[in-house]
C-alpha cells in the first residue's frame, strides 16, 4: 500500500499565505518520502487544479492529484483542457480525481441540476476519453453532451482518472471506465466487503486490471484518553455524514457512523494497526488527512508535525507489504 497525504482548506493560514502554504506542504511531503499528494476542490477555497499545476513545478517525483473536482462545474472538454495543461506542468505525475459531488454543493450552493449523477459521469468520461487521445478533433454525441471541437494542448500521454464512487453504479463505472476510485468516509469493512469486491468485479468483467482504491483516512497521533475527543473533532471539522445521502448510504456498508469513526487515532501502535486494517481490506493507496489537535495554533502545529513524521516513518513498512 502506497502512503500519500491529503490536505484540505487551511483556515489557520492567512489568505495571502494559503497558496504558498499548499506548495510548501507538497514539497515537504515529497521530501518526507510520501508517494502522493491530494488536493480536494473545497467550495469557496483554492482551485485544486491550479494549485496542483504550481506544485508540479515545485516538485520532481511525487504523484499529484485532485480529490475530487465536481464534474457539473466544468464542461468535460474544458476539464480536459485544464487537466492536460496541469499534466504538462506536472511532467506526467498528475492524476485527475473526479466525482458527481453532493446535492448540497451542486444544487443548493450553485443552483445546478443534480439529476442522474451516475449517468452524467459515464457520459462525461466518454468526452474525456476522446479528448485525452491524440490532439485533434473531439466528436462525441451522447445523452449529456454534444461536442464537436478541437483540442491541441499537448501530445497524447497517460492521464490517470479516478472516480469518487460510493454507490454500485458509480463503482461499476470506476471499474469499467476509470483507473479506480478515490474514497472518503469509508471504513475497513465498507472497503473490504463492498468497495473492493464491487470495483474489482467491474474491472475484471471489462478486461481491465490494476484498479486503484485510494482511501482518504483522517489520522491523529494522540494519547489513549484523547481518542474520543479526536474522533468527535474530526467529525466536526471534516463534515458530517448526514449532510450527504451518498455518504449515509456508504456508511451503511461499514461500522462507522461518521467520518471520525474512520479515523486512525491513538498512540503509535494504534495508528499502525488501523492503517494495516485498511491495507488488508484492499486499499492500494492511503491518502492520510492529518488532523492536528490542540488548544491553540502552536499546539496544533506541533501535533500535525508529530503525526505526519510518524506516518512518514511507516512508509517503508507499508511499501514492502510487511
Protein backbone atom coordinates (compact mmCIF):
# COMPACT_ATOMS: atom_id res chain seq x y z
CA UNK A 1 0.00 0.00 0.00
CA UNK A 2 1.40 3.38 -1.05
CA UNK A 3 1.04 6.18 1.51
CA UNK A 4 0.27 9.74 0.49
CA UNK A 5 -1.08 12.89 2.08
CA UNK A 6 -4.40 14.67 1.58
CA UNK A 7 -4.82 18.32 2.50
CA UNK A 8 -7.92 20.47 2.83
CA UNK A 9 -8.78 24.09 3.47
CA UNK A 10 -6.36 25.58 5.98
CA UNK A 11 -8.19 28.44 7.65
CA UNK A 12 -5.40 28.99 10.18
CA UNK A 13 -3.21 30.40 7.42
CA UNK A 14 -3.74 33.98 6.32
CA UNK A 15 -5.39 34.15 2.90
CA UNK A 16 -2.23 35.61 1.40
CA UNK A 17 -0.26 32.57 2.59
CA UNK A 18 -2.61 29.76 1.63
CA UNK A 19 -1.40 29.05 -1.89
CA UNK A 20 2.25 29.29 -0.89
CA UNK A 21 1.42 27.07 2.06
CA UNK A 22 -0.07 24.33 -0.10
CA UNK A 23 3.01 24.37 -2.33
CA UNK A 24 5.23 24.17 0.76
CA UNK A 25 3.13 21.27 2.08
CA UNK A 26 3.55 19.36 -1.18
CA UNK A 27 7.29 19.91 -1.23
CA UNK A 28 7.55 18.75 2.38
CA UNK A 29 5.52 15.62 1.56
CA UNK A 30 7.90 14.78 -1.26
CA UNK A 31 10.92 15.36 0.96
CA UNK A 32 9.46 13.03 3.60
CA UNK A 33 9.01 10.24 1.06
CA UNK A 34 5.24 10.25 0.62
CA UNK A 35 4.09 8.67 -2.64
CA UNK A 36 1.29 11.11 -3.44
CA UNK A 37 -0.28 14.43 -2.51
CA UNK A 38 -4.03 15.02 -2.93
CA UNK A 39 -5.86 18.35 -3.09
CA UNK A 40 -9.66 18.49 -2.84
CA UNK A 41 -11.87 21.06 -4.55
CA UNK A 42 -13.30 22.69 -1.42
CA UNK A 43 -16.25 25.05 -2.06
CA UNK A 44 -15.10 28.65 -1.93
CA UNK A 45 -11.42 27.80 -1.36
CA UNK A 46 -8.35 27.49 -3.59
CA UNK A 47 -8.85 25.95 -7.02
CA UNK A 48 -7.40 22.45 -6.80
CA UNK A 49 -6.01 22.07 -10.32
CA UNK A 50 -4.39 25.48 -10.30
CA UNK A 51 -2.65 24.60 -7.04
CA UNK A 52 -1.60 21.21 -8.39
CA UNK A 53 -0.12 22.81 -11.51
CA UNK A 54 2.03 25.04 -9.31
CA UNK A 55 3.02 22.01 -7.26
CA UNK A 56 4.11 20.31 -10.46
CA UNK A 57 6.78 22.94 -10.97
CA UNK A 58 7.85 22.86 -7.31
CA UNK A 59 8.28 19.06 -7.02
CA UNK A 60 10.00 16.37 -9.06
CA UNK A 61 8.85 12.92 -8.00
CA UNK A 62 5.60 12.79 -6.03
CA UNK A 63 2.24 11.96 -7.65
CA UNK A 64 -0.12 14.94 -7.54
CA UNK A 65 -3.88 14.59 -7.70
CA UNK A 66 -7.29 16.16 -7.18
CA UNK A 67 -9.65 14.56 -4.70
CA UNK A 68 -12.01 15.48 -6.23
CA UNK A 69 -13.24 18.03 -8.78
CA UNK A 70 -17.04 18.06 -9.33
CA UNK A 71 -17.98 17.29 -12.92
CA UNK A 72 -21.05 19.56 -13.02
CA UNK A 73 -19.00 22.74 -12.64
CA UNK A 74 -16.88 22.34 -15.80
CA UNK A 75 -17.73 21.15 -19.29
CA UNK A 76 -15.76 17.96 -19.97
CA UNK A 77 -13.80 19.49 -22.83
CA UNK A 78 -12.80 22.43 -20.62
CA UNK A 79 -11.93 19.96 -17.86
CA UNK A 80 -9.76 18.05 -20.34
CA UNK A 81 -8.07 21.25 -21.47
CA UNK A 82 -7.19 22.19 -17.89
CA UNK A 83 -6.21 18.65 -16.94
CA UNK A 84 -3.85 18.31 -19.91
CA UNK A 85 -2.28 21.66 -19.07
CA UNK A 86 -1.88 20.53 -15.45
CA UNK A 87 -0.35 17.25 -16.61
CA UNK A 88 2.19 19.17 -18.66
CA UNK A 89 3.06 21.28 -15.62
CA UNK A 90 3.45 18.13 -13.53
CA UNK A 91 5.64 16.30 -16.02
CA UNK A 92 3.26 13.33 -16.23
CA UNK A 93 2.70 12.98 -12.46
CA UNK A 94 -0.88 14.28 -12.34
CA UNK A 95 -3.92 12.13 -11.55
CA UNK A 96 -7.35 13.62 -12.20
CA UNK A 97 -9.84 12.78 -9.46
CA UNK A 98 -13.44 13.49 -10.45
CA UNK A 99 -16.84 12.99 -8.90
CA UNK A 100 -20.50 13.99 -9.04
CA UNK A 101 -20.20 15.78 -5.66
CA UNK A 102 -23.32 16.19 -3.49
CA UNK A 103 -26.70 17.88 -3.82
CA UNK A 104 -25.94 20.47 -1.12
CA UNK A 105 -23.00 21.75 -3.19
CA UNK A 106 -24.28 21.37 -6.74
CA UNK A 107 -27.95 22.23 -6.26
CA UNK A 108 -28.12 24.21 -3.02
CA UNK A 109 -24.93 26.28 -3.37
CA UNK A 110 -24.50 26.55 -7.13
CA UNK A 111 -28.08 26.23 -8.39
CA UNK A 112 -27.20 23.49 -10.89
CA UNK A 113 -29.05 20.28 -11.65
CA UNK A 114 -28.18 17.21 -9.60
CA UNK A 115 -30.12 14.73 -11.72
CA UNK A 116 -28.85 11.27 -12.71
CA UNK A 117 -25.27 11.87 -11.47
CA UNK A 118 -24.00 8.41 -12.40
CA UNK A 119 -25.27 8.72 -15.97
CA UNK A 120 -23.69 12.16 -16.19
CA UNK A 121 -20.33 10.78 -15.08
CA UNK A 122 -20.46 7.99 -17.68
CA UNK A 123 -21.22 10.49 -20.45
CA UNK A 124 -18.55 12.85 -19.10
CA UNK A 125 -15.91 10.12 -19.27
CA UNK A 126 -16.75 9.47 -22.90
CA UNK A 127 -15.80 13.04 -23.75
CA UNK A 128 -12.65 12.89 -21.61
CA UNK A 129 -11.55 9.64 -23.26
CA UNK A 130 -11.78 11.28 -26.66
CA UNK A 131 -10.03 14.45 -25.51
CA UNK A 132 -7.17 12.59 -23.81
CA UNK A 133 -6.25 10.77 -27.00
CA UNK A 134 -4.16 12.26 -29.77
CA UNK A 135 -4.55 16.02 -30.36
CA UNK A 136 -7.25 16.79 -32.89
CA UNK A 137 -11.00 16.79 -33.22
CA UNK A 138 -13.24 15.62 -30.39
CA UNK A 139 -16.53 14.34 -31.75
CA UNK A 140 -18.88 12.92 -29.13
CA UNK A 141 -22.67 12.88 -29.10
CA UNK A 142 -24.35 11.24 -26.09
CA UNK A 143 -27.29 11.89 -23.79
CA UNK A 144 -25.50 14.66 -21.87
CA UNK A 145 -23.02 16.25 -24.29
CA UNK A 146 -22.71 17.10 -27.97
CA UNK A 147 -19.11 18.05 -28.67
CA UNK A 148 -17.51 18.88 -32.00
CA UNK A 149 -14.37 20.81 -31.18
CA UNK A 150 -10.59 20.63 -31.49
CA UNK A 151 -8.15 20.11 -28.65
CA UNK A 152 -4.43 20.74 -29.04
CA UNK A 153 -2.76 21.10 -25.64
CA UNK A 154 -0.01 18.51 -25.58
CA UNK A 155 0.97 15.23 -27.18
CA UNK A 156 -1.02 12.21 -26.07
CA UNK A 157 0.16 10.61 -22.85
CA UNK A 158 -1.25 8.77 -19.91
CA UNK A 159 -3.94 10.65 -17.99
CA UNK A 160 -4.97 8.59 -14.95
CA UNK A 161 -8.56 9.26 -13.89
CA UNK A 162 -10.08 8.23 -10.57
CA UNK A 163 -13.76 8.48 -9.72
CA UNK A 164 -15.36 9.20 -6.36
CA UNK A 165 -17.50 6.06 -6.37
CA UNK A 166 -19.84 5.46 -3.44
CA UNK A 167 -22.86 3.69 -4.96
CA UNK A 168 -22.97 0.48 -7.01
CA UNK A 169 -23.43 2.24 -10.37
CA UNK A 170 -20.50 4.53 -9.71
CA UNK A 171 -18.36 1.58 -8.66
CA UNK A 172 -19.15 -0.15 -11.94
CA UNK A 173 -18.20 2.97 -13.88
CA UNK A 174 -14.97 3.36 -11.90
CA UNK A 175 -14.01 -0.24 -12.57
CA UNK A 176 -15.04 -0.32 -16.22
CA UNK A 177 -14.04 3.15 -17.37
CA UNK A 178 -11.51 4.69 -14.97
CA UNK A 179 -8.33 3.80 -13.13
CA UNK A 180 -10.16 3.21 -9.87
CA UNK A 181 -11.81 5.14 -7.09
CA UNK A 182 -10.86 7.72 -4.51
CA UNK A 183 -12.82 7.46 -1.28
CA UNK A 184 -13.77 9.48 1.75
CA UNK A 185 -15.72 8.30 4.80
CA UNK A 186 -15.27 4.59 4.05
CA UNK A 187 -14.07 2.34 6.86
CA UNK A 188 -12.33 -1.01 6.55
CA UNK A 189 -15.49 -3.12 6.41
CA UNK A 190 -17.13 -0.90 3.81
CA UNK A 191 -14.00 -1.19 1.67
CA UNK A 192 -13.36 -4.88 2.20
CA UNK A 193 -16.96 -6.10 1.89
CA UNK A 194 -18.40 -3.62 -0.57
CA UNK A 195 -15.99 -1.26 -2.39
CA UNK A 196 -13.17 -3.66 -3.27
CA UNK A 197 -15.34 -6.56 -4.48
CA UNK A 198 -17.61 -4.28 -6.50
CA UNK A 199 -14.94 -2.32 -8.32
CA UNK A 200 -12.72 -5.37 -8.87
CA UNK A 201 -15.59 -7.37 -10.40
CA UNK A 202 -16.45 -4.49 -12.73
CA UNK A 203 -12.83 -4.12 -13.83
CA UNK A 204 -12.40 -7.85 -14.44
CA UNK A 205 -15.62 -8.01 -16.47
CA UNK A 206 -14.27 -5.18 -18.64
CA UNK A 207 -10.95 -7.00 -19.06
CA UNK A 208 -9.04 -4.44 -17.02
CA UNK A 209 -6.60 -4.88 -14.14
CA UNK A 210 -4.56 -2.71 -11.81
CA UNK A 211 -7.60 -0.85 -10.47
CA UNK A 212 -6.72 1.52 -7.62
CA UNK A 213 -8.58 2.08 -4.36
CA UNK A 214 -7.39 5.36 -2.86
CA UNK A 215 -8.79 5.86 0.63
CA UNK A 216 -8.78 9.22 2.37
CA UNK A 217 -8.33 8.49 6.07
CA UNK A 218 -8.04 11.02 8.94
CA UNK A 219 -5.09 10.33 11.25
CA UNK A 220 -4.09 11.81 14.62
CA UNK A 221 -1.30 10.68 16.90
CA UNK A 222 -2.57 11.25 20.43
CA UNK A 223 -2.92 9.78 23.88
CA UNK A 224 -5.38 6.97 24.54
CA UNK A 225 -7.53 9.24 26.69
CA UNK A 226 -7.83 11.72 23.83
CA UNK A 227 -9.13 9.32 21.15
CA UNK A 228 -12.84 10.01 21.65
CA UNK A 229 -12.28 13.77 21.59
CA UNK A 230 -10.13 13.39 18.45
CA UNK A 231 -12.89 11.45 16.67
CA UNK A 232 -15.53 13.99 17.66
CA UNK A 233 -13.30 16.84 16.50
CA UNK A 234 -12.66 15.13 13.15
CA UNK A 235 -16.39 14.69 12.57
CA UNK A 236 -16.94 18.35 13.39
CA UNK A 237 -14.23 19.89 11.18
CA UNK A 238 -14.27 17.42 8.27
CA UNK A 239 -18.01 17.40 7.63
CA UNK A 240 -20.93 15.44 8.99
CA UNK A 241 -22.19 12.46 7.02
CA UNK A 242 -25.83 13.45 7.45
CA UNK A 243 -25.29 16.40 5.08
CA UNK A 244 -24.92 13.96 2.18
CA UNK A 245 -27.20 10.97 1.48
CA UNK A 246 -24.38 9.48 -0.63
CA UNK A 247 -22.21 9.20 2.48
CA UNK A 248 -25.08 7.90 4.60
CA UNK A 249 -25.63 5.04 2.15
CA UNK A 250 -21.90 4.29 2.07
CA UNK A 251 -21.68 4.17 5.87
CA UNK A 252 -24.41 1.52 5.91
CA UNK A 253 -21.89 -0.89 4.39
CA UNK A 254 -19.45 -0.49 7.28
CA UNK A 255 -19.25 0.09 11.02
CA UNK A 256 -18.65 3.86 11.05
CA UNK A 257 -21.39 6.36 11.83
CA UNK A 258 -19.42 9.47 10.79
CA UNK A 259 -16.02 10.48 9.47
CA UNK A 260 -14.46 10.42 12.95
CA UNK A 261 -15.14 6.69 13.16
CA UNK A 262 -12.97 6.09 10.10
CA UNK A 263 -10.04 7.77 11.83
CA UNK A 264 -6.75 6.17 12.82
CA UNK A 265 -6.24 7.76 16.24
CA UNK A 266 -4.22 6.95 19.34
CA UNK A 267 -0.62 6.07 20.04
CA UNK A 268 1.85 4.68 17.52
CA UNK A 269 0.70 1.09 17.85
CA UNK A 270 -2.99 2.02 17.47
CA UNK A 271 -2.42 4.14 14.37
CA UNK A 272 -0.21 1.48 12.77
CA UNK A 273 -2.75 -1.26 13.47
CA UNK A 274 -5.64 0.70 11.96
CA UNK A 275 -3.69 1.56 8.83
CA UNK A 276 -2.83 -2.11 8.45
CA UNK A 277 -6.53 -2.95 8.54
CA UNK A 278 -7.16 -0.53 5.71
CA UNK A 279 -4.37 -2.17 3.70
CA UNK A 280 -5.75 -5.64 4.41
CA UNK A 281 -9.23 -4.52 3.31
CA UNK A 282 -7.91 -3.81 -0.19
CA UNK A 283 -6.72 -0.20 -0.12
CA UNK A 284 -3.94 0.27 -2.66
CA UNK A 285 -3.21 3.91 -1.82
CA UNK A 286 -3.72 5.63 1.51
CA UNK A 287 -4.36 9.39 1.44
CA UNK A 288 -3.70 10.47 5.02
CA UNK A 289 -5.55 13.55 6.21
CA UNK A 290 -3.61 14.69 9.27
CA UNK A 291 -5.95 16.07 11.96
CA UNK A 292 -3.98 18.41 14.25
CA UNK A 293 -5.12 18.53 17.86
CA UNK A 294 -4.58 21.21 20.49
CA UNK A 295 -5.99 24.28 22.19
CA UNK A 296 -4.19 26.83 20.02
CA UNK A 297 -2.33 27.15 16.72
CA UNK A 298 1.05 26.37 18.28
CA UNK A 299 -0.18 23.11 19.81
CA UNK A 300 -1.97 22.12 16.63
CA UNK A 301 1.13 22.78 14.54
CA UNK A 302 3.19 20.57 16.84
CA UNK A 303 0.51 17.88 16.69
CA UNK A 304 0.47 17.99 12.89
CA UNK A 305 4.24 17.66 12.74
CA UNK A 306 4.32 14.67 15.12
CA UNK A 307 1.56 12.83 13.28
CA UNK A 308 2.99 13.48 9.81
CA UNK A 309 6.51 12.47 10.84
CA UNK A 310 5.22 9.24 12.36
CA UNK A 311 3.17 8.34 9.28
CA UNK A 312 6.20 9.08 7.10
CA UNK A 313 8.22 6.64 9.23
CA UNK A 314 5.73 3.90 8.28
CA UNK A 315 6.23 4.28 4.51
CA UNK A 316 8.99 1.65 4.14
CA UNK A 317 6.97 -0.86 6.17
CA UNK A 318 3.81 -0.47 4.11
CA UNK A 319 5.61 -0.19 0.76
CA UNK A 320 7.26 -3.55 1.46
CA UNK A 321 3.90 -5.15 2.28
CA UNK A 322 5.02 -6.39 5.70
